[in-house]
C-alpha atoms as a PDB file:
ATOM      1  CA  MET A   1      10.228  20.438  -1.953  1.00  0.00           C
ATOM      2  CA  SER A   2      12.139  19.047  -4.904  1.00  0.00           C
ATOM      3  CA  ALA A   3      11.770  15.599  -6.442  1.00  0.00           C
ATOM      4  CA  THR A   4      12.877  12.769  -4.201  1.00  0.00           C
ATOM      5  CA  PRO A   5      16.136  11.182  -5.419  1.00  0.00           C
ATOM      6  CA  GLN A   6      16.500   7.465  -6.062  1.00  0.00           C
ATOM      7  CA  LEU A   7      16.975   5.658  -2.773  1.00  0.00           C
ATOM      8  CA  PRO A   8      18.686   2.391  -1.839  1.00  0.00           C
ATOM      9  CA  PRO A   9      16.465  -0.657  -1.105  1.00  0.00           C
ATOM     10  CA  VAL A  10      16.554  -0.194   2.694  1.00  0.00           C
ATOM     11  CA  ALA A  11      15.392   3.413   2.391  1.00  0.00           C
ATOM     12  CA  LYS A  12      12.615   2.336   0.005  1.00  0.00           C
ATOM     13  CA  LEU A  13      11.474  -0.207   2.594  1.00  0.00           C
ATOM     14  CA  GLU A  14      11.375   2.554   5.213  1.00  0.00           C
ATOM     15  CA  GLN A  15       9.298   4.659   2.849  1.00  0.00           C
ATOM     16  CA  LYS A  16       6.802   1.821   2.429  1.00  0.00           C
ATOM     17  CA  THR A  17       6.490   1.639   6.217  1.00  0.00           C
ATOM     18  CA  VAL A  18       5.660   5.360   6.351  1.00  0.00           C
ATOM     19  CA  VAL A  19       3.021   5.001   3.621  1.00  0.00           C
ATOM     20  CA  ASP A  20       1.444   1.930   5.235  1.00  0.00           C
ATOM     21  CA  LEU A  21       1.217   3.638   8.630  1.00  0.00           C
ATOM     22  CA  ILE A  22      -0.497   6.695   7.145  1.00  0.00           C
ATOM     23  CA  ALA A  23      -2.940   4.476   5.250  1.00  0.00           C
ATOM     24  CA  LYS A  24      -3.926   2.919   8.598  1.00  0.00           C
ATOM     25  CA  GLY A  25      -4.525   6.319  10.204  1.00  0.00           C
ATOM     26  CA  ASN A  26      -1.190   6.405  12.025  1.00  0.00           C
ATOM     27  CA  ARG A  27       2.146   8.165  11.583  1.00  0.00           C
ATOM     28  CA  ILE A  28       5.732   7.235  12.409  1.00  0.00           C
ATOM     29  CA  ASP A  29       5.778   9.659  15.353  1.00  0.00           C
ATOM     30  CA  GLU A  30       2.306   8.551  16.535  1.00  0.00           C
ATOM     31  CA  ARG A  31       0.596  11.847  15.642  1.00  0.00           C
ATOM     32  CA  GLY A  32      -2.867  12.060  14.193  1.00  0.00           C
ATOM     33  CA  HIS A  33      -3.225  13.071  10.561  1.00  0.00           C
ATOM     34  CA  ASP A  34      -4.259  16.625  11.526  1.00  0.00           C
ATOM     35  CA  SER A  35      -1.692  17.219  14.297  1.00  0.00           C
ATOM     36  CA  TYR A  36       1.511  19.244  14.438  1.00  0.00           C
ATOM     37  CA  ARG A  37       4.767  18.186  16.000  1.00  0.00           C
ATOM     38  CA  PRO A  38       5.740  20.030  19.218  1.00  0.00           C
ATOM     39  CA  ILE A  39       6.390  23.731  18.612  1.00  0.00           C
ATOM     40  CA  THR A  40       8.863  25.796  20.646  1.00  0.00           C
ATOM     41  CA  ILE A  41       9.328  29.504  19.877  1.00  0.00           C
ATOM     42  CA  GLN A  42      12.027  31.804  21.247  1.00  0.00           C
ATOM     43  CA  THR A  43      12.156  35.534  20.467  1.00  0.00           C
ATOM     44  CA  GLY A  44      14.908  38.117  20.833  1.00  0.00           C
ATOM     45  CA  VAL A  45      17.673  35.574  20.205  1.00  0.00           C
ATOM     46  CA  ILE A  46      19.875  37.868  18.054  1.00  0.00           C
ATOM     47  CA  GLU A  47      21.024  40.851  20.100  1.00  0.00           C
ATOM     48  CA  LYS A  48      22.069  43.111  17.218  1.00  0.00           C
ATOM     49  CA  ALA A  49      18.966  42.570  15.083  1.00  0.00           C
ATOM     50  CA  ASN A  50      15.860  44.758  15.178  1.00  0.00           C
ATOM     51  CA  GLY A  51      13.912  41.586  15.874  1.00  0.00           C
ATOM     52  CA  SER A  52      14.532  37.856  15.850  1.00  0.00           C
ATOM     53  CA  ALA A  53      13.002  34.484  16.588  1.00  0.00           C
ATOM     54  CA  GLN A  54      13.953  30.830  16.549  1.00  0.00           C
ATOM     55  CA  ILE A  55      11.446  28.021  16.163  1.00  0.00           C
ATOM     56  CA  PHE A  56      11.714  24.310  16.749  1.00  0.00           C
ATOM     57  CA  LEU A  57       9.041  22.375  14.854  1.00  0.00           C
ATOM     58  CA  GLY A  58       9.795  18.861  15.959  1.00  0.00           C
ATOM     59  CA  LYS A  59      13.443  18.516  14.920  1.00  0.00           C
ATOM     60  CA  THR A  60      13.201  21.232  12.274  1.00  0.00           C
ATOM     61  CA  ARG A  61      14.893  24.434  13.440  1.00  0.00           C
ATOM     62  CA  VAL A  62      14.664  27.824  11.743  1.00  0.00           C
ATOM     63  CA  LEU A  63      16.176  31.150  12.791  1.00  0.00           C
ATOM     64  CA  VAL A  64      14.878  34.506  11.511  1.00  0.00           C
ATOM     65  CA  GLY A  65      16.477  37.912  11.902  1.00  0.00           C
ATOM     66  CA  ILE A  66      14.868  41.268  11.120  1.00  0.00           C
ATOM     67  CA  LYS A  67      16.959  44.236  10.014  1.00  0.00           C
ATOM     68  CA  VAL A  68      15.434  47.657   9.318  1.00  0.00           C
ATOM     69  CA  GLU A  69      17.366  50.289   7.362  1.00  0.00           C
ATOM     70  CA  THR A  70      16.549  53.454   5.447  1.00  0.00           C
ATOM     71  CA  GLY A  71      16.365  53.343   1.673  1.00  0.00           C
ATOM     72  CA  GLU A  72      14.400  54.475  -1.358  1.00  0.00           C
ATOM     73  CA  PRO A  73      10.823  53.367  -2.114  1.00  0.00           C
ATOM     74  CA  PHE A  74       9.778  51.617  -5.298  1.00  0.00           C
ATOM     75  CA  ALA A  75       8.639  54.024  -8.014  1.00  0.00           C
ATOM     76  CA  ASP A  76       5.090  52.628  -8.079  1.00  0.00           C
ATOM     77  CA  THR A  77       4.690  52.812  -4.267  1.00  0.00           C
ATOM     78  CA  PRO A  78       6.352  56.114  -3.288  1.00  0.00           C
ATOM     79  CA  GLU A  79       4.498  56.299   0.033  1.00  0.00           C
ATOM     80  CA  GLU A  80       5.299  52.786   1.255  1.00  0.00           C
ATOM     81  CA  GLY A  81       8.228  51.123   2.933  1.00  0.00           C
ATOM     82  CA  VAL A  82       9.865  48.049   1.424  1.00  0.00           C
ATOM     83  CA  LEU A  83       9.695  44.388   2.492  1.00  0.00           C
ATOM     84  CA  THR A  84      12.404  41.932   1.423  1.00  0.00           C
ATOM     85  CA  VAL A  85      12.441  38.238   2.406  1.00  0.00           C
ATOM     86  CA  ASN A  86      15.475  36.019   1.838  1.00  0.00           C
ATOM     87  CA  ALA A  87      15.991  32.370   2.803  1.00  0.00           C
ATOM     88  CA  GLU A  88      19.190  30.407   3.221  1.00  0.00           C
ATOM     89  CA  LEU A  89      19.371  26.631   3.525  1.00  0.00           C
ATOM     90  CA  VAL A  90      22.482  26.373   5.695  1.00  0.00           C
ATOM     91  CA  PRO A  91      24.613  23.412   4.480  1.00  0.00           C
ATOM     92  CA  LEU A  92      24.978  21.981   7.985  1.00  0.00           C
ATOM     93  CA  ALA A  93      21.181  21.634   8.220  1.00  0.00           C
ATOM     94  CA  HIS A  94      20.945  18.707   5.780  1.00  0.00           C
ATOM     95  CA  PRO A  95      23.297  16.719   3.505  1.00  0.00           C
ATOM     96  CA  SER A  96      21.390  17.866   0.393  1.00  0.00           C
ATOM     97  CA  PHE A  97      21.965  21.571   1.137  1.00  0.00           C
ATOM     98  CA  GLU A  98      24.980  23.018  -0.634  1.00  0.00           C
ATOM     99  CA  PRO A  99      26.828  26.337  -0.285  1.00  0.00           C
ATOM    100  CA  GLY A 100      26.374  28.941  -2.989  1.00  0.00           C
ATOM    101  CA  PRO A 101      23.528  31.043  -4.414  1.00  0.00           C
ATOM    102  CA  PRO A 102      19.952  30.222  -3.301  1.00  0.00           C
ATOM    103  CA  ASP A 103      18.523  27.224  -5.160  1.00  0.00           C
ATOM    104  CA  GLU A 104      14.899  26.777  -6.222  1.00  0.00           C
ATOM    105  CA  ASN A 105      13.915  25.428  -2.787  1.00  0.00           C
ATOM    106  CA  ALA A 106      15.329  28.456  -0.955  1.00  0.00           C
ATOM    107  CA  ILE A 107      13.694  30.796  -3.466  1.00  0.00           C
ATOM    108  CA  GLU A 108      10.312  29.088  -3.085  1.00  0.00           C
ATOM    109  CA  LEU A 109      10.591  29.179   0.721  1.00  0.00           C
ATOM    110  CA  ALA A 110      11.308  32.925   0.686  1.00  0.00           C
ATOM    111  CA  ARG A 111       8.497  33.636  -1.774  1.00  0.00           C
ATOM    112  CA  VAL A 112       5.848  31.721   0.177  1.00  0.00           C
ATOM    113  CA  ILE A 113       6.800  33.473   3.425  1.00  0.00           C
ATOM    114  CA  ASP A 114       6.873  36.839   1.634  1.00  0.00           C
ATOM    115  CA  ARG A 115       3.484  36.249   0.013  1.00  0.00           C
ATOM    116  CA  GLY A 116       1.761  35.509   3.316  1.00  0.00           C
ATOM    117  CA  ILE A 117       3.153  38.663   4.925  1.00  0.00           C
ATOM    118  CA  ARG A 118       2.503  40.846   1.880  1.00  0.00           C
ATOM    119  CA  GLU A 119      -0.972  39.615   0.893  1.00  0.00           C
ATOM    120  CA  SER A 120      -2.278  39.864   4.460  1.00  0.00           C
ATOM    121  CA  LYS A 121      -0.823  43.382   4.729  1.00  0.00           C
ATOM    122  CA  ALA A 122       0.775  42.246   7.959  1.00  0.00           C
ATOM    123  CA  ILE A 123       3.167  45.216   8.008  1.00  0.00           C
ATOM    124  CA  ASP A 124       1.785  48.748   7.730  1.00  0.00           C
ATOM    125  CA  LEU A 125       4.180  49.756   4.962  1.00  0.00           C
ATOM    126  CA  LYS A 126       2.730  53.268   4.714  1.00  0.00           C
ATOM    127  CA  ALA A 127       3.766  53.887   8.319  1.00  0.00           C
ATOM    128  CA  LEU A 128       7.359  53.230   7.208  1.00  0.00           C
ATOM    129  CA  CYS A 129       7.414  56.157   4.773  1.00  0.00           C
ATOM    130  CA  LEU A 130       9.760  58.905   5.965  1.00  0.00           C
ATOM    131  CA  GLN A 131       9.698  61.196   2.947  1.00  0.00           C
ATOM    132  CA  LYS A 132       7.367  60.483   0.022  1.00  0.00           C
ATOM    133  CA  GLY A 133       9.239  59.220  -2.991  1.00  0.00           C
ATOM    134  CA  LYS A 134      12.632  59.679  -1.331  1.00  0.00           C
ATOM    135  CA  LYS A 135      13.148  57.962   2.013  1.00  0.00           C
ATOM    136  CA  VAL A 136      11.451  54.939   3.543  1.00  0.00           C
ATOM    137  CA  GLN A 137      12.299  52.169   5.964  1.00  0.00           C
ATOM    138  CA  VAL A 138      13.272  48.842   4.404  1.00  0.00           C
ATOM    139  CA  VAL A 139      12.421  45.676   6.357  1.00  0.00           C
ATOM    140  CA  TYR A 140      14.748  42.740   5.670  1.00  0.00           C
ATOM    141  CA  VAL A 141      13.499  39.323   6.801  1.00  0.00           C
ATOM    142  CA  ASP A 142      16.365  36.813   6.714  1.00  0.00           C
ATOM    143  CA  VAL A 143      15.394  33.157   7.166  1.00  0.00           C
ATOM    144  CA  TYR A 144      18.060  30.587   8.071  1.00  0.00           C
ATOM    145  CA  VAL A 145      17.250  26.868   8.093  1.00  0.00           C
ATOM    146  CA  LEU A 146      19.521  25.327  10.740  1.00  0.00           C
ATOM    147  CA  ASP A 147      18.054  21.794  10.964  1.00  0.00           C
ATOM    148  CA  HIS A 148      15.853  20.265   8.279  1.00  0.00           C
ATOM    149  CA  ASP A 149      13.403  17.592   9.354  1.00  0.00           C
ATOM    150  CA  GLY A 150      10.483  18.591   7.155  1.00  0.00           C
ATOM    151  CA  ASN A 151       7.943  21.390   6.681  1.00  0.00           C
ATOM    152  CA  LEU A 152      10.330  24.317   6.287  1.00  0.00           C
ATOM    153  CA  ILE A 153       7.513  26.551   5.040  1.00  0.00           C
ATOM    154  CA  ASP A 154       5.502  26.511   8.270  1.00  0.00           C
ATOM    155  CA  ALA A 155       8.591  26.690  10.460  1.00  0.00           C
ATOM    156  CA  GLY A 156       9.927  29.610   8.421  1.00  0.00           C
ATOM    157  CA  SER A 157       6.655  31.532   8.279  1.00  0.00           C
ATOM    158  CA  MET A 158       5.995  31.148  12.004  1.00  0.00           C
ATOM    159  CA  ALA A 159       9.544  32.186  12.867  1.00  0.00           C
ATOM    160  CA  ALA A 160       9.244  35.183  10.535  1.00  0.00           C
ATOM    161  CA  LEU A 161       5.982  36.291  12.120  1.00  0.00           C
ATOM    162  CA  ALA A 162       7.394  35.908  15.634  1.00  0.00           C
ATOM    163  CA  ALA A 163      10.493  37.900  14.653  1.00  0.00           C
ATOM    164  CA  LEU A 164       8.394  40.683  13.105  1.00  0.00           C
ATOM    165  CA  ALA A 165       6.213  40.836  16.225  1.00  0.00           C
ATOM    166  CA  ASN A 166       9.398  41.053  18.299  1.00  0.00           C
ATOM    167  CA  ALA A 167      10.960  43.798  16.152  1.00  0.00           C
ATOM    168  CA  LYS A 168      11.609  47.345  17.361  1.00  0.00           C
ATOM    169  CA  ILE A 169      12.509  50.203  15.025  1.00  0.00           C
ATOM    170  CA  GLY A 170      13.950  53.636  15.589  1.00  0.00           C
ATOM    171  CA  LYS A 171      12.066  56.898  15.312  1.00  0.00           C
ATOM    172  CA  TYR A 172      13.325  59.131  12.535  1.00  0.00           C
ATOM    173  CA  GLU A 173      13.331  62.823  11.789  1.00  0.00           C
ATOM    174  CA  ILE A 174      14.008  64.281   8.334  1.00  0.00           C
ATOM    175  CA  LYS A 175      15.979  67.530   8.087  1.00  0.00           C
ATOM    176  CA  GLY A 176      16.558  68.404   4.470  1.00  0.00           C
ATOM    177  CA  ASP A 177      18.200  65.342   2.933  1.00  0.00           C
ATOM    178  CA  GLU A 178      19.466  64.108   6.288  1.00  0.00           C
ATOM    179  CA  VAL A 179      17.817  61.276   8.225  1.00  0.00           C
ATOM    180  CA  ILE A 180      18.235  61.652  11.987  1.00  0.00           C
ATOM    181  CA  VAL A 181      17.701  58.549  14.120  1.00  0.00           C
ATOM    182  CA  LYS A 182      16.280  59.234  17.559  1.00  0.00           C
ATOM    183  CA  PRO A 183      17.334  57.027  20.495  1.00  0.00           C
ATOM    184  CA  ASP A 184      13.854  55.813  21.438  1.00  0.00           C
ATOM    185  CA  ARG A 185      12.423  52.787  19.653  1.00  0.00           C
ATOM    186  CA  ARG A 186       8.930  51.589  18.866  1.00  0.00           C
ATOM    187  CA  PRO A 187       7.387  48.303  17.748  1.00  0.00           C
ATOM    188  CA  LEU A 188       7.293  47.572  14.043  1.00  0.00           C
ATOM    189  CA  PRO A 189       3.750  48.505  12.900  1.00  0.00           C
ATOM    190  CA  ILE A 190       1.955  45.172  12.520  1.00  0.00           C
ATOM    191  CA  ASN A 191      -1.673  44.973  11.367  1.00  0.00           C
ATOM    192  CA  ASN A 192      -2.120  41.261  10.756  1.00  0.00           C
ATOM    193  CA  TYR A 193      -0.736  37.896  11.815  1.00  0.00           C
ATOM    194  CA  PRO A 194      -0.726  35.420   8.906  1.00  0.00           C
ATOM    195  CA  VAL A 195       0.064  31.786   9.712  1.00  0.00           C
ATOM    196  CA  SER A 196       0.718  29.095   7.116  1.00  0.00           C
ATOM    197  CA  VAL A 197      -0.478  25.511   7.481  1.00  0.00           C
ATOM    198  CA  THR A 198       1.110  22.924   5.197  1.00  0.00           C
ATOM    199  CA  PHE A 199      -0.484  19.645   4.148  1.00  0.00           C
ATOM    200  CA  GLY A 200       0.959  16.588   2.439  1.00  0.00           C
ATOM    201  CA  LYS A 201      -0.981  14.106   0.306  1.00  0.00           C
ATOM    202  CA  VAL A 202       0.195  10.509   0.622  1.00  0.00           C
ATOM    203  CA  ASP A 203      -1.823   8.362  -1.773  1.00  0.00           C
ATOM    204  CA  ARG A 204      -5.361   9.424  -0.804  1.00  0.00           C
ATOM    205  CA  ASN A 205      -4.546  10.545   2.726  1.00  0.00           C
ATOM    206  CA  ILE A 206      -4.077  14.167   3.827  1.00  0.00           C
ATOM    207  CA  ILE A 207      -1.657  14.920   6.665  1.00  0.00           C
ATOM    208  CA  VAL A 208      -0.696  18.147   8.447  1.00  0.00           C
ATOM    209  CA  ASP A 209       2.918  19.227   9.044  1.00  0.00           C
ATOM    210  CA  PRO A 210       4.720  16.496   7.079  1.00  0.00           C
ATOM    211  CA  SER A 211       8.043  15.381   8.526  1.00  0.00           C
ATOM    212  CA  LEU A 212      11.046  14.816   6.272  1.00  0.00           C
ATOM    213  CA  GLU A 213      10.287  11.081   5.943  1.00  0.00           C
ATOM    214  CA  GLU A 214       6.708  11.929   4.980  1.00  0.00           C
ATOM    215  CA  GLU A 215       7.813  14.559   2.463  1.00  0.00           C
ATOM    216  CA  GLN A 216       9.809  11.854   0.688  1.00  0.00           C
ATOM    217  CA  VAL A 217       6.659   9.800   0.033  1.00  0.00           C
ATOM    218  CA  MET A 218       3.976  12.434  -0.486  1.00  0.00           C
ATOM    219  CA  ASN A 219       2.455  12.991  -3.918  1.00  0.00           C
ATOM    220  CA  ALA A 220       1.601  16.652  -3.417  1.00  0.00           C
ATOM    221  CA  ARG A 221       1.923  19.513  -0.965  1.00  0.00           C
ATOM    222  CA  LEU A 222      -0.431  22.397  -0.281  1.00  0.00           C
ATOM    223  CA  THR A 223       0.270  25.389   1.953  1.00  0.00           C
ATOM    224  CA  VAL A 224      -2.673  27.544   3.045  1.00  0.00           C
ATOM    225  CA  THR A 225      -1.910  30.839   4.794  1.00  0.00           C
ATOM    226  CA  ILE A 226      -4.629  32.159   7.089  1.00  0.00           C
ATOM    227  CA  GLU A 227      -4.816  35.733   8.362  1.00  0.00           C
ATOM    228  CA  LYS A 228      -6.088  36.696  11.823  1.00  0.00           C
ATOM    229  CA  SER A 229      -9.705  37.059  10.601  1.00  0.00           C
ATOM    230  CA  GLY A 230      -9.706  33.399   9.526  1.00  0.00           C
ATOM    231  CA  SER A 231      -9.629  34.255   5.812  1.00  0.00           C
ATOM    232  CA  ILE A 232      -7.229  32.738   3.273  1.00  0.00           C
ATOM    233  CA  CYS A 233      -4.592  35.210   2.102  1.00  0.00           C
ATOM    234  CA  ALA A 234      -2.251  32.898   0.167  1.00  0.00           C
ATOM    235  CA  MET A 235      -1.865  29.350  -1.148  1.00  0.00           C
ATOM    236  CA  GLN A 236       1.054  27.427  -2.644  1.00  0.00           C
ATOM    237  CA  LYS A 237       0.954  23.967  -4.214  1.00  0.00           C
ATOM    238  CA  GLY A 238       3.866  21.641  -4.845  1.00  0.00           C
ATOM    239  CA  GLY A 239       4.174  18.149  -6.271  1.00  0.00           C
ATOM    240  CA  LEU A 240       2.654  16.445  -9.297  1.00  0.00           C
ATOM    241  CA  SER A 241      -0.689  15.223  -7.921  1.00  0.00           C
ATOM    242  CA  GLY A 242      -3.805  17.308  -7.420  1.00  0.00           C
ATOM    243  CA  PHE A 243      -6.476  17.731  -4.746  1.00  0.00           C
ATOM    244  CA  THR A 244     -10.188  17.063  -5.074  1.00  0.00           C
ATOM    245  CA  THR A 245     -12.811  19.639  -4.156  1.00  0.00           C
ATOM    246  CA  GLU A 246     -13.707  17.639  -1.059  1.00  0.00           C
ATOM    247  CA  GLU A 247     -10.051  17.417  -0.040  1.00  0.00           C
ATOM    248  CA  LEU A 248      -9.690  21.181  -0.425  1.00  0.00           C
ATOM    249  CA  ARG A 249     -12.733  21.799   1.780  1.00  0.00           C
ATOM    250  CA  LYS A 250     -11.241  19.553   4.453  1.00  0.00           C
ATOM    251  CA  ILE A 251      -7.845  21.211   4.143  1.00  0.00           C
ATOM    252  CA  VAL A 252      -9.199  24.754   4.509  1.00  0.00           C
ATOM    253  CA  HIS A 253     -11.292  23.783   7.535  1.00  0.00           C
ATOM    254  CA  ILE A 254      -8.290  22.249   9.286  1.00  0.00           C
ATOM    255  CA  ALA A 255      -6.018  25.130   8.226  1.00  0.00           C
ATOM    256  CA  VAL A 256      -8.238  27.716   9.924  1.00  0.00           C
ATOM    257  CA  GLU A 257      -8.202  25.738  13.179  1.00  0.00           C
ATOM    258  CA  ARG A 258      -4.466  24.983  13.218  1.00  0.00           C
ATOM    259  CA  ALA A 259      -3.534  28.531  12.184  1.00  0.00           C
ATOM    260  CA  ALA A 260      -5.488  29.940  15.121  1.00  0.00           C
ATOM    261  CA  GLU A 261      -3.746  27.548  17.518  1.00  0.00           C
ATOM    262  CA  ASN A 262      -0.275  28.311  16.188  1.00  0.00           C
ATOM    263  CA  ARG A 263      -0.951  32.059  16.047  1.00  0.00           C
ATOM    264  CA  ALA A 264      -1.757  32.023  19.757  1.00  0.00           C
ATOM    265  CA  LYS A 265       1.600  30.341  20.444  1.00  0.00           C
ATOM    266  CA  ILE A 266       3.455  32.896  18.323  1.00  0.00           C
ATOM    267  CA  LEU A 267       1.806  35.894  19.988  1.00  0.00           C
ATOM    268  CA  ALA A 268       2.422  34.425  23.436  1.00  0.00           C
ATOM    269  CA  ALA A 269       6.114  33.987  22.618  1.00  0.00           C
ATOM    270  CA  ALA A 270       6.268  37.585  21.360  1.00  0.00           C
ATOM    271  CA  LYS A 271       4.375  38.762  24.470  1.00  0.00           C
ATOM    272  CA  ILE A 272       1.511  40.305  22.483  1.00  0.00           C
END
C-alpha cells in the first residue's frame, strides 16, 4: 500500500523477474492475469464474538470478529444503528508492521472495507434502532491481519462480509431507560453482499489479486467493490500511475465476474 522501500541488488533482480513474467502473460505462481489465488473461508472461529470469519487468500491470512453492543445513535441518523470498522496489522504478520496506533495502511484498509459495506447498504441499520434518538445497536467490525502476502483489501473485505453473514445478535426490549436482552438470537439483518476485487498495474499489464511480490513492482492499484446486483458501490485507487479508459472498462468487466465467484464462496462458507 505504501511506497516500496529501497531494496538490495538481489531483491531488485527478483523484482525484475516478476515484471518480466507478467509482461509475458505469466506470473510467479503460474496464475493467469485475471485469476485469484486459492481462497479458504472459515466462519464461527471466535466463540465469544457475535460473528467471525477467517480467510486464507493464498498465504495472506485475515481474521475478522464482529461485536454488537448497545449505544447511542449519531445525531444526524437518530433512527439508525452504528457501523464501526477497525483494522490492525499485527506485527507478527510482516516485518514492516510495527506495534502502536494504526498507521496509514491500517486506516486505509479499514476505510475501504467500511465504504463497501456502507455504500452498498449491506447492513439494515434502521433495523438496529431500539429507541429513536436514544438507543441503537452498534456493530463493531475488527479486522486483524495475521499473515501478509499481498492484497489485504480483498482478504479483509471478504472476511468481513463472511463474519457479518455469520453474526447473530440478541433481541432487545426497552422498558423505560432500561435495555433488556432476551436469550434468543437472530441473524444480523443483511441486505447486500459487497465484494471487492483488487487490481495491480505492472507497466502496461493489469493483474487481479496481486501477491506481495507483485505489489512491490506495481505502478498503481485499483479496488472495485461490486454489490450483489453487479453494480459498482465503491472504488479506491492507490499508487502514482493512472488507468486508461480502456483499462477501466476491462477492470470493471473482470471485477463483476470475480466478485460473483467470490461472493458464492463467501455465502457457501456462511451457509446462506
